[in-house]
Amino acid sequence: MLVCEAFVDTDRAQRYVDQLAKHFVHQPGGILAQSQGDGQLLVDFGWGTCNMRPQPDGLLLRAEAADTEKLGWIQRGVADRLVRIGRRDRLVVRWSAATAE
């Protein structure tokens, strides 16, 4: 399994997690978005996952997939949507290099 993480500076992390949950819950193709009790969101694409965890000073993203192509799909899809909904806050998503776990 390949793993990468990103940290997005924002003081409204929970707001963005809530918006992403609404977005992913309406996506076709078997995507499952599960809110966790502690404010986290786990999005399961079937071939990879992205965990979104709000922090006091930002949003921690952790993507996992079996290969680099699928990991890239998660990175681009999540980052594109987050940047779009956070355009007023000028959010920036920078993923770390993928590592094997």
N, C-alpha and C. Protein backbone atom coordinates (compact mmCIF):
# COMPACT_ATOMS: atom_id res chain seq x y z
N MET A 1 0.85 -1.17 0.00
CA MET A 1 0.00 0.00 0.00
C MET A 1 0.90 1.24 0.00
N LEU A 2 0.58 2.20 -0.87
CA LEU A 2 1.29 3.47 -0.91
C LEU A 2 0.51 4.50 -0.11
N VAL A 3 1.23 5.35 0.60
CA VAL A 3 0.63 6.35 1.47
C VAL A 3 1.27 7.70 1.24
N CYS A 4 0.47 8.76 1.25
CA CYS A 4 1.01 10.11 1.24
C CYS A 4 0.10 10.98 2.10
N GLU A 5 0.65 12.09 2.57
CA GLU A 5 -0.11 13.00 3.42
C GLU A 5 0.05 14.42 2.94
N ALA A 6 -0.90 15.25 3.33
CA ALA A 6 -0.84 16.68 3.06
C ALA A 6 -1.41 17.39 4.28
N PHE A 7 -0.89 18.58 4.54
CA PHE A 7 -1.44 19.42 5.60
C PHE A 7 -1.86 20.73 4.96
N VAL A 8 -3.10 21.12 5.18
CA VAL A 8 -3.66 22.33 4.60
C VAL A 8 -3.87 23.34 5.72
N ASP A 9 -3.16 24.46 5.64
CA ASP A 9 -3.31 25.50 6.65
C ASP A 9 -4.68 26.16 6.53
N THR A 10 -5.46 26.10 7.61
CA THR A 10 -6.77 26.75 7.66
C THR A 10 -7.25 26.75 9.11
N ASP A 11 -7.99 27.77 9.46
CA ASP A 11 -8.59 27.79 10.79
C ASP A 11 -10.03 27.31 10.74
N ARG A 12 -10.44 26.80 9.56
CA ARG A 12 -11.81 26.30 9.38
C ARG A 12 -11.81 24.86 8.85
N ALA A 13 -10.96 24.04 9.41
CA ALA A 13 -10.80 22.66 8.93
C ALA A 13 -12.09 21.86 9.02
N GLN A 14 -12.80 21.96 10.11
CA GLN A 14 -14.02 21.16 10.26
C GLN A 14 -15.07 21.57 9.22
N ARG A 15 -15.13 22.83 8.91
CA ARG A 15 -16.07 23.31 7.88
C ARG A 15 -15.76 22.64 6.55
N TYR A 16 -14.49 22.54 6.21
CA TYR A 16 -14.12 21.92 4.94
C TYR A 16 -14.37 20.42 4.94
N VAL A 17 -14.15 19.77 6.08
CA VAL A 17 -14.45 18.34 6.18
C VAL A 17 -15.95 18.12 5.96
N ASP A 18 -16.77 18.96 6.56
CA ASP A 18 -18.22 18.84 6.40
C ASP A 18 -18.63 19.04 4.94
N GLN A 19 -18.04 20.01 4.27
CA GLN A 19 -18.36 20.25 2.86
C GLN A 19 -17.90 19.10 1.98
N LEU A 20 -16.72 18.56 2.26
CA LEU A 20 -16.24 17.42 1.48
C LEU A 20 -17.11 16.20 1.70
N ALA A 21 -17.60 16.02 2.91
CA ALA A 21 -18.50 14.90 3.18
C ALA A 21 -19.75 15.00 2.32
N LYS A 22 -20.33 16.19 2.22
CA LYS A 22 -21.51 16.38 1.39
C LYS A 22 -21.20 16.12 -0.08
N HIS A 23 -20.04 16.54 -0.51
CA HIS A 23 -19.64 16.34 -1.91
C HIS A 23 -19.48 14.85 -2.22
N PHE A 24 -18.71 14.15 -1.43
CA PHE A 24 -18.40 12.76 -1.73
C PHE A 24 -19.58 11.82 -1.53
N VAL A 25 -20.52 12.17 -0.67
CA VAL A 25 -21.68 11.32 -0.43
C VAL A 25 -22.56 11.26 -1.69
N HIS A 26 -22.48 12.26 -2.54
CA HIS A 26 -23.31 12.31 -3.74
C HIS A 26 -22.59 11.83 -5.00
N GLN A 27 -21.41 11.29 -4.86
CA GLN A 27 -20.65 10.84 -6.03
C GLN A 27 -21.07 9.42 -6.43
N PRO A 28 -21.15 9.17 -7.72
CA PRO A 28 -21.50 7.82 -8.19
C PRO A 28 -20.29 6.89 -8.14
N GLY A 29 -20.52 5.65 -8.41
CA GLY A 29 -19.42 4.70 -8.57
C GLY A 29 -18.98 3.99 -7.31
N GLY A 30 -19.82 3.95 -6.31
CA GLY A 30 -19.49 3.17 -5.12
C GLY A 30 -18.60 3.85 -4.12
N ILE A 31 -18.46 5.18 -4.19
CA ILE A 31 -17.66 5.90 -3.21
C ILE A 31 -18.43 5.97 -1.90
N LEU A 32 -17.77 5.59 -0.82
CA LEU A 32 -18.38 5.64 0.51
C LEU A 32 -17.71 6.72 1.34
N ALA A 33 -18.48 7.65 1.86
CA ALA A 33 -17.97 8.69 2.74
C ALA A 33 -18.55 8.44 4.12
N GLN A 34 -17.67 8.19 5.08
CA GLN A 34 -18.11 7.85 6.43
C GLN A 34 -17.56 8.88 7.41
N SER A 35 -18.46 9.61 8.06
CA SER A 35 -18.04 10.54 9.10
C SER A 35 -17.69 9.75 10.35
N GLN A 36 -16.61 10.13 10.97
CA GLN A 36 -16.17 9.50 12.20
C GLN A 36 -16.64 10.35 13.38
N GLY A 37 -16.74 9.78 14.54
CA GLY A 37 -17.24 10.49 15.71
C GLY A 37 -16.40 11.68 16.14
N ASP A 38 -15.14 11.70 15.79
CA ASP A 38 -14.25 12.78 16.22
C ASP A 38 -14.08 13.87 15.15
N GLY A 39 -15.01 13.96 14.22
CA GLY A 39 -14.96 14.98 13.19
C GLY A 39 -14.21 14.59 11.94
N GLN A 40 -13.62 13.41 11.93
CA GLN A 40 -12.89 12.93 10.76
C GLN A 40 -13.86 12.44 9.69
N LEU A 41 -13.33 12.39 8.48
CA LEU A 41 -14.07 11.84 7.36
C LEU A 41 -13.18 10.82 6.65
N LEU A 42 -13.72 9.64 6.42
CA LEU A 42 -13.01 8.61 5.66
C LEU A 42 -13.77 8.41 4.35
N VAL A 43 -13.07 8.64 3.25
CA VAL A 43 -13.66 8.44 1.93
C VAL A 43 -13.02 7.20 1.33
N ASP A 44 -13.85 6.20 1.04
CA ASP A 44 -13.39 4.93 0.47
C ASP A 44 -13.82 4.88 -0.99
N PHE A 45 -12.83 4.89 -1.87
CA PHE A 45 -13.10 4.87 -3.31
C PHE A 45 -13.23 3.44 -3.84
N GLY A 46 -13.00 2.45 -2.99
CA GLY A 46 -13.04 1.06 -3.42
C GLY A 46 -11.67 0.53 -3.76
N TRP A 47 -10.81 1.37 -4.27
CA TRP A 47 -9.44 1.00 -4.65
C TRP A 47 -8.42 1.86 -3.91
N GLY A 48 -8.89 2.65 -2.97
CA GLY A 48 -8.03 3.51 -2.16
C GLY A 48 -8.88 4.33 -1.22
N THR A 49 -8.25 4.97 -0.25
CA THR A 49 -8.97 5.77 0.73
C THR A 49 -8.29 7.11 0.96
N CYS A 50 -9.06 8.03 1.51
CA CYS A 50 -8.52 9.29 1.98
C CYS A 50 -9.17 9.61 3.32
N ASN A 51 -8.34 9.79 4.33
CA ASN A 51 -8.81 10.16 5.65
C ASN A 51 -8.55 11.65 5.82
N MET A 52 -9.57 12.38 6.25
CA MET A 52 -9.48 13.82 6.44
C MET A 52 -9.70 14.11 7.91
N ARG A 53 -8.69 14.68 8.55
CA ARG A 53 -8.74 14.89 9.99
C ARG A 53 -8.53 16.37 10.32
N PRO A 54 -9.56 17.04 10.85
CA PRO A 54 -9.38 18.45 11.21
C PRO A 54 -8.47 18.60 12.43
N GLN A 55 -7.63 19.60 12.38
CA GLN A 55 -6.72 19.94 13.47
C GLN A 55 -7.01 21.40 13.85
N PRO A 56 -6.55 21.86 14.99
CA PRO A 56 -6.80 23.26 15.36
C PRO A 56 -6.22 24.28 14.36
N ASP A 57 -5.13 23.92 13.70
CA ASP A 57 -4.49 24.88 12.79
C ASP A 57 -4.52 24.44 11.33
N GLY A 58 -5.29 23.40 11.01
CA GLY A 58 -5.35 22.97 9.62
C GLY A 58 -6.06 21.64 9.44
N LEU A 59 -5.94 21.14 8.24
CA LEU A 59 -6.59 19.89 7.85
C LEU A 59 -5.53 18.89 7.41
N LEU A 60 -5.49 17.74 8.05
CA LEU A 60 -4.56 16.68 7.70
C LEU A 60 -5.24 15.69 6.78
N LEU A 61 -4.64 15.45 5.63
CA LEU A 61 -5.16 14.50 4.65
C LEU A 61 -4.20 13.33 4.57
N ARG A 62 -4.73 12.11 4.52
CA ARG A 62 -3.90 10.90 4.37
C ARG A 62 -4.54 10.02 3.32
N ALA A 63 -3.84 9.85 2.21
CA ALA A 63 -4.35 9.05 1.10
C ALA A 63 -3.59 7.73 1.03
N GLU A 64 -4.31 6.66 0.71
CA GLU A 64 -3.71 5.32 0.57
C GLU A 64 -4.29 4.65 -0.66
N ALA A 65 -3.41 3.99 -1.42
CA ALA A 65 -3.84 3.23 -2.60
C ALA A 65 -2.78 2.18 -2.91
N ALA A 66 -3.16 1.22 -3.73
CA ALA A 66 -2.26 0.11 -4.05
C ALA A 66 -1.17 0.49 -5.05
N ASP A 67 -1.42 1.49 -5.90
CA ASP A 67 -0.40 1.87 -6.89
C ASP A 67 -0.37 3.38 -7.08
N THR A 68 0.65 3.86 -7.75
CA THR A 68 0.85 5.30 -7.90
C THR A 68 -0.24 5.96 -8.74
N GLU A 69 -0.77 5.27 -9.72
CA GLU A 69 -1.83 5.85 -10.55
C GLU A 69 -3.07 6.15 -9.71
N LYS A 70 -3.49 5.18 -8.93
CA LYS A 70 -4.69 5.36 -8.11
C LYS A 70 -4.45 6.37 -7.00
N LEU A 71 -3.26 6.36 -6.44
CA LEU A 71 -2.92 7.35 -5.42
C LEU A 71 -2.98 8.76 -6.03
N GLY A 72 -2.50 8.91 -7.24
CA GLY A 72 -2.57 10.19 -7.94
C GLY A 72 -4.00 10.64 -8.17
N TRP A 73 -4.89 9.71 -8.49
CA TRP A 73 -6.31 10.05 -8.68
C TRP A 73 -6.90 10.63 -7.39
N ILE A 74 -6.56 9.99 -6.27
CA ILE A 74 -7.06 10.48 -4.99
C ILE A 74 -6.48 11.86 -4.70
N GLN A 75 -5.18 12.00 -4.86
CA GLN A 75 -4.53 13.29 -4.59
C GLN A 75 -5.16 14.41 -5.42
N ARG A 76 -5.29 14.19 -6.71
CA ARG A 76 -5.84 15.23 -7.59
C ARG A 76 -7.31 15.51 -7.28
N GLY A 77 -8.10 14.45 -7.10
CA GLY A 77 -9.53 14.62 -6.86
C GLY A 77 -9.82 15.37 -5.57
N VAL A 78 -9.16 14.97 -4.49
CA VAL A 78 -9.39 15.61 -3.20
C VAL A 78 -8.85 17.04 -3.22
N ALA A 79 -7.63 17.21 -3.71
CA ALA A 79 -7.03 18.55 -3.74
C ALA A 79 -7.83 19.50 -4.62
N ASP A 80 -8.24 19.06 -5.80
CA ASP A 80 -9.01 19.93 -6.69
C ASP A 80 -10.30 20.40 -6.03
N ARG A 81 -11.01 19.47 -5.41
CA ARG A 81 -12.28 19.83 -4.78
C ARG A 81 -12.05 20.75 -3.58
N LEU A 82 -11.04 20.46 -2.78
CA LEU A 82 -10.76 21.28 -1.60
C LEU A 82 -10.34 22.69 -2.00
N VAL A 83 -9.50 22.82 -3.00
CA VAL A 83 -9.08 24.14 -3.47
C VAL A 83 -10.28 24.91 -4.04
N ARG A 84 -11.15 24.22 -4.73
CA ARG A 84 -12.34 24.86 -5.31
C ARG A 84 -13.26 25.41 -4.21
N ILE A 85 -13.55 24.59 -3.20
CA ILE A 85 -14.46 25.07 -2.15
C ILE A 85 -13.78 26.05 -1.20
N GLY A 86 -12.46 26.04 -1.16
CA GLY A 86 -11.71 26.95 -0.29
C GLY A 86 -11.05 28.09 -1.03
N ARG A 87 -11.56 28.42 -2.21
CA ARG A 87 -10.90 29.44 -3.04
C ARG A 87 -10.82 30.79 -2.33
N ARG A 88 -11.80 31.15 -1.54
CA ARG A 88 -11.76 32.44 -0.83
C ARG A 88 -10.65 32.46 0.21
N ASP A 89 -10.37 31.31 0.78
CA ASP A 89 -9.29 31.21 1.77
C ASP A 89 -7.94 30.90 1.12
N ARG A 90 -7.95 30.74 -0.20
CA ARG A 90 -6.73 30.43 -0.96
C ARG A 90 -5.99 29.22 -0.39
N LEU A 91 -6.75 28.14 -0.21
CA LEU A 91 -6.16 26.91 0.32
C LEU A 91 -5.14 26.34 -0.65
N VAL A 92 -4.10 25.75 -0.09
CA VAL A 92 -3.05 25.11 -0.86
C VAL A 92 -2.87 23.70 -0.32
N VAL A 93 -2.87 22.71 -1.22
CA VAL A 93 -2.68 21.31 -0.83
C VAL A 93 -1.37 20.85 -1.44
N ARG A 94 -0.43 20.46 -0.59
CA ARG A 94 0.87 19.94 -1.04
C ARG A 94 1.05 18.56 -0.44
N TRP A 95 1.01 17.57 -1.32
CA TRP A 95 1.15 16.19 -0.88
C TRP A 95 2.62 15.84 -0.69
N SER A 96 2.89 15.01 0.32
CA SER A 96 4.23 14.46 0.53
C SER A 96 4.49 13.39 -0.53
N ALA A 97 5.72 12.99 -0.66
CA ALA A 97 6.06 11.90 -1.56
C ALA A 97 5.43 10.61 -1.03
N ALA A 98 5.00 9.76 -1.94
CA ALA A 98 4.38 8.48 -1.55
C ALA A 98 5.43 7.56 -0.94
N THR A 99 5.02 6.89 0.12
CA THR A 99 5.88 5.89 0.76
C THR A 99 5.11 4.60 0.87
N ALA A 100 5.83 3.50 0.86
CA ALA A 100 5.21 2.18 1.00
C ALA A 100 4.95 1.93 2.49
N GLU A 101 3.82 1.33 2.76
CA GLU A 101 3.50 1.01 4.15
C GLU A 101 3.26 -0.47 4.30
